[in-house]
């Protein structure tokens, strides 16, 4: 177990597992948020949000989710530090022999840090106040009305849009890398995994980004 958490291969393995778990959370989160596009003054969204906030299974998974976030962030930072120590000077390549490495695969730590900052803003805006209010009163905050208010501020909209943009690039590399780290890559299935990574990296952040944009421009009431 110790080797699994401390070795380079172990760190990549636990990052992949925690990453795929967080991806499953994103699917659920984006699905609930997409309920706002019924444009029924938040009635359908409120039903979905109430279920997520009161279901004991979901509430238990929240704890696992927080642990997953911590593991993913810590292991990512440890891998970045380990790579910097083992290769303090970048490799030199001939101009016509530069390896085919995308900028976002080299910037996973930076993108992850931006996403972390975005999550801090997001939880302070909605999740933490709602949980505190639930604990104090046993009732939920009117999240739809909160979103209507928050997303009239262009600064909030820009922060959320940039956060979703960073998430998109992070997912584009992280989704397929998770399968590779778990040894689930195969020449036959790699093209399908690549297409799924592109589709996921575009669709999920787009749904999340359209939420503040739609509120700001008055497409949702």
Foldseek 3Di string as FASTA:
>chain_A
DVCLLPPLLSLLQLLLVLVVVVLVVLVLVLVLLLLLVVLPLCPSSVVSVVCCVPPPVNVVVVVVNVVSLVSNLVSVVSNVVVVCVVPVDDDDDDPVPDDPDDPLVVCLNVLSVLLVVLVVVVCVQAVVVQVVCCVVPVDGDPVSVSLLVQLLDVVNLVSLLVSLVSQLSNQLPSQLSSCVSVVNDDPVCSVVSNVVSNVSSPPSSVSRSVSSVCSNVVVHD
